[in-house]
Amino acid sequence: YAKEVCDAIVAKCLTGRPKTVEKSQVAFLLWVELEAAEVFL
């Protein structure tokens, strides 16, 4: 499930407006804090 969420954030948010990119980066950091680090490794 985490991979699909991350893929969606990358596809829709990281190419958007600066504020959207900032919020997506915060979402990724929160995801890592919630011990979903294996998705990013």
PDB file of N, CA and C in Angstrom:
ATOM      1  N   TYR A   1       0.818  -1.199   0.000  1.00  0.00           N
ATOM      2  CA  TYR A   1       0.000   0.000   0.000  1.00  0.00           C
ATOM      3  C   TYR A   1       0.861   1.261   0.000  1.00  0.00           C
ATOM      4  N   ALA A   2       1.944   1.240   0.730  1.00  0.00           N
ATOM      5  CA  ALA A   2       2.802   2.419   0.837  1.00  0.00           C
ATOM      6  C   ALA A   2       3.428   2.787  -0.496  1.00  0.00           C
ATOM      7  N   LYS A   3       3.792   1.788  -1.278  1.00  0.00           N
ATOM      8  CA  LYS A   3       4.399   2.073  -2.581  1.00  0.00           C
ATOM      9  C   LYS A   3       3.441   2.822  -3.485  1.00  0.00           C
ATOM     10  N   GLU A   4       2.180   2.437  -3.489  1.00  0.00           N
ATOM     11  CA  GLU A   4       1.197   3.111  -4.331  1.00  0.00           C
ATOM     12  C   GLU A   4       1.003   4.563  -3.896  1.00  0.00           C
ATOM     13  N   VAL A   5       0.990   4.786  -2.587  1.00  0.00           N
ATOM     14  CA  VAL A   5       0.841   6.152  -2.076  1.00  0.00           C
ATOM     15  C   VAL A   5       2.039   6.997  -2.494  1.00  0.00           C
ATOM     16  N   CYS A   6       3.232   6.455  -2.329  1.00  0.00           N
ATOM     17  CA  CYS A   6       4.438   7.197  -2.699  1.00  0.00           C
ATOM     18  C   CYS A   6       4.488   7.472  -4.193  1.00  0.00           C
ATOM     19  N   ASP A   7       4.127   6.492  -5.001  1.00  0.00           N
ATOM     20  CA  ASP A   7       4.101   6.687  -6.446  1.00  0.00           C
ATOM     21  C   ASP A   7       3.120   7.784  -6.837  1.00  0.00           C
ATOM     22  N   ALA A   8       1.970   7.822  -6.185  1.00  0.00           N
ATOM     23  CA  ALA A   8       0.971   8.848  -6.483  1.00  0.00           C
ATOM     24  C   ALA A   8       1.478  10.233  -6.089  1.00  0.00           C
ATOM     25  N   ILE A   9       2.133  10.324  -4.943  1.00  0.00           N
ATOM     26  CA  ILE A   9       2.672  11.620  -4.516  1.00  0.00           C
ATOM     27  C   ILE A   9       3.744  12.090  -5.494  1.00  0.00           C
ATOM     28  N   VAL A  10       4.612  11.197  -5.910  1.00  0.00           N
ATOM     29  CA  VAL A  10       5.665  11.562  -6.857  1.00  0.00           C
ATOM     30  C   VAL A  10       5.062  12.010  -8.176  1.00  0.00           C
ATOM     31  N   ALA A  11       4.102  11.266  -8.684  1.00  0.00           N
ATOM     32  CA  ALA A  11       3.519  11.571  -9.988  1.00  0.00           C
ATOM     33  C   ALA A  11       2.727  12.873  -9.988  1.00  0.00           C
ATOM     34  N   LYS A  12       2.016  13.146  -8.920  1.00  0.00           N
ATOM     35  CA  LYS A  12       1.097  14.282  -8.926  1.00  0.00           C
ATOM     36  C   LYS A  12       1.615  15.518  -8.211  1.00  0.00           C
ATOM     37  N   CYS A  13       2.528  15.352  -7.278  1.00  0.00           N
ATOM     38  CA  CYS A  13       2.897  16.482  -6.421  1.00  0.00           C
ATOM     39  C   CYS A  13       4.289  17.046  -6.675  1.00  0.00           C
ATOM     40  N   LEU A  14       5.252  16.213  -6.981  1.00  0.00           N
ATOM     41  CA  LEU A  14       6.621  16.704  -7.086  1.00  0.00           C
ATOM     42  C   LEU A  14       6.881  17.499  -8.355  1.00  0.00           C
ATOM     43  N   THR A  15       5.932  17.516  -9.272  1.00  0.00           N
ATOM     44  CA  THR A  15       6.094  18.304 -10.492  1.00  0.00           C
ATOM     45  C   THR A  15       5.166  19.508 -10.497  1.00  0.00           C
ATOM     46  N   GLY A  16       4.558  19.796  -9.361  1.00  0.00           N
ATOM     47  CA  GLY A  16       3.574  20.871  -9.277  1.00  0.00           C
ATOM     48  C   GLY A  16       4.165  22.190  -8.831  1.00  0.00           C
ATOM     49  N   ARG A  17       3.302  22.983  -8.260  1.00  0.00           N
ATOM     50  CA  ARG A  17       3.694  24.302  -7.767  1.00  0.00           C
ATOM     51  C   ARG A  17       4.619  24.162  -6.561  1.00  0.00           C
ATOM     52  N   PRO A  18       5.411  25.200  -6.291  1.00  0.00           N
ATOM     53  CA  PRO A  18       6.383  25.114  -5.190  1.00  0.00           C
ATOM     54  C   PRO A  18       5.765  24.738  -3.846  1.00  0.00           C
ATOM     55  N   LYS A  19       4.613  25.284  -3.517  1.00  0.00           N
ATOM     56  CA  LYS A  19       3.980  24.963  -2.233  1.00  0.00           C
ATOM     57  C   LYS A  19       3.532  23.497  -2.208  1.00  0.00           C
ATOM     58  N   THR A  20       3.069  22.984  -3.346  1.00  0.00           N
ATOM     59  CA  THR A  20       2.662  21.584  -3.435  1.00  0.00           C
ATOM     60  C   THR A  20       3.866  20.669  -3.264  1.00  0.00           C
ATOM     61  N   VAL A  21       4.981  21.041  -3.871  1.00  0.00           N
ATOM     62  CA  VAL A  21       6.214  20.260  -3.736  1.00  0.00           C
ATOM     63  C   VAL A  21       6.657  20.241  -2.277  1.00  0.00           C
ATOM     64  N   GLU A  22       6.574  21.387  -1.619  1.00  0.00           N
ATOM     65  CA  GLU A  22       6.962  21.467  -0.211  1.00  0.00           C
ATOM     66  C   GLU A  22       6.086  20.568   0.656  1.00  0.00           C
ATOM     67  N   LYS A  23       4.793  20.590   0.415  1.00  0.00           N
ATOM     68  CA  LYS A  23       3.878  19.756   1.197  1.00  0.00           C
ATOM     69  C   LYS A  23       4.116  18.274   0.928  1.00  0.00           C
ATOM     70  N   SER A  24       4.445  17.919  -0.310  1.00  0.00           N
ATOM     71  CA  SER A  24       4.707  16.514  -0.614  1.00  0.00           C
ATOM     72  C   SER A  24       5.991  16.043   0.060  1.00  0.00           C
ATOM     73  N   GLN A  25       6.987  16.912   0.143  1.00  0.00           N
ATOM     74  CA  GLN A  25       8.214  16.553   0.846  1.00  0.00           C
ATOM     75  C   GLN A  25       7.946  16.339   2.331  1.00  0.00           C
ATOM     76  N   VAL A  26       7.101  17.171   2.911  1.00  0.00           N
ATOM     77  CA  VAL A  26       6.723  16.997   4.313  1.00  0.00           C
ATOM     78  C   VAL A  26       5.994  15.671   4.493  1.00  0.00           C
ATOM     79  N   ALA A  27       5.129  15.335   3.544  1.00  0.00           N
ATOM     80  CA  ALA A  27       4.396  14.067   3.625  1.00  0.00           C
ATOM     81  C   ALA A  27       5.358  12.882   3.593  1.00  0.00           C
ATOM     82  N   PHE A  28       6.382  12.950   2.732  1.00  0.00           N
ATOM     83  CA  PHE A  28       7.370  11.872   2.690  1.00  0.00           C
ATOM     84  C   PHE A  28       8.115  11.758   4.018  1.00  0.00           C
ATOM     85  N   LEU A  29       8.493  12.876   4.599  1.00  0.00           N
ATOM     86  CA  LEU A  29       9.206  12.840   5.881  1.00  0.00           C
ATOM     87  C   LEU A  29       8.333  12.265   6.985  1.00  0.00           C
ATOM     88  N   LEU A  30       7.067  12.636   6.999  1.00  0.00           N
ATOM     89  CA  LEU A  30       6.154  12.073   7.993  1.00  0.00           C
ATOM     90  C   LEU A  30       5.993  10.574   7.792  1.00  0.00           C
ATOM     91  N   TRP A  31       5.968  10.139   6.541  1.00  0.00           N
ATOM     92  CA  TRP A  31       5.829   8.714   6.233  1.00  0.00           C
ATOM     93  C   TRP A  31       7.021   7.945   6.796  1.00  0.00           C
ATOM     94  N   VAL A  32       8.216   8.503   6.642  1.00  0.00           N
ATOM     95  CA  VAL A  32       9.422   7.858   7.167  1.00  0.00           C
ATOM     96  C   VAL A  32       9.362   7.805   8.690  1.00  0.00           C
ATOM     97  N   GLU A  33       8.882   8.881   9.302  1.00  0.00           N
ATOM     98  CA  GLU A  33       8.762   8.892  10.760  1.00  0.00           C
ATOM     99  C   GLU A  33       7.801   7.820  11.255  1.00  0.00           C
ATOM    100  N   LEU A  34       6.835   7.464  10.444  1.00  0.00           N
ATOM    101  CA  LEU A  34       5.862   6.443  10.828  1.00  0.00           C
ATOM    102  C   LEU A  34       6.373   5.033  10.539  1.00  0.00           C
ATOM    103  N   GLU A  35       7.693   4.920  10.418  1.00  0.00           N
ATOM    104  CA  GLU A  35       8.367   3.635  10.247  1.00  0.00           C
ATOM    105  C   GLU A  35       8.001   2.928   8.953  1.00  0.00           C
ATOM    106  N   ALA A  36       7.824   3.707   7.911  1.00  0.00           N
ATOM    107  CA  ALA A  36       7.625   3.134   6.587  1.00  0.00           C
ATOM    108  C   ALA A  36       8.912   3.291   5.779  1.00  0.00           C
ATOM    109  N   ALA A  37      10.039   3.271   6.451  1.00  0.00           N
ATOM    110  CA  ALA A  37      11.326   3.538   5.822  1.00  0.00           C
ATOM    111  C   ALA A  37      11.688   2.511   4.757  1.00  0.00           C
ATOM    112  N   GLU A  38      11.185   1.285   4.841  1.00  0.00           N
ATOM    113  CA  GLU A  38      11.558   0.261   3.862  1.00  0.00           C
ATOM    114  C   GLU A  38      11.115   0.630   2.450  1.00  0.00           C
ATOM    115  N   VAL A  39      10.115   1.481   2.305  1.00  0.00           N
ATOM    116  CA  VAL A  39       9.663   1.920   0.983  1.00  0.00           C
ATOM    117  C   VAL A  39      10.718   2.794   0.333  1.00  0.00           C
ATOM    118  N   PHE A  40      11.448   3.550   1.121  1.00  0.00           N
ATOM    119  CA  PHE A  40      12.399   4.509   0.601  1.00  0.00           C
ATOM    120  C   PHE A  40      13.797   3.932   0.444  1.00  0.00           C
ATOM    121  N   LEU A  41      14.029   2.737   0.924  1.00  0.00           N
ATOM    122  CA  LEU A  41      15.367   2.152   0.861  1.00  0.00           C
ATOM    123  C   LEU A  41      15.570   1.317  -0.364  1.00  0.00           C
TER     124      LEU A  41
END
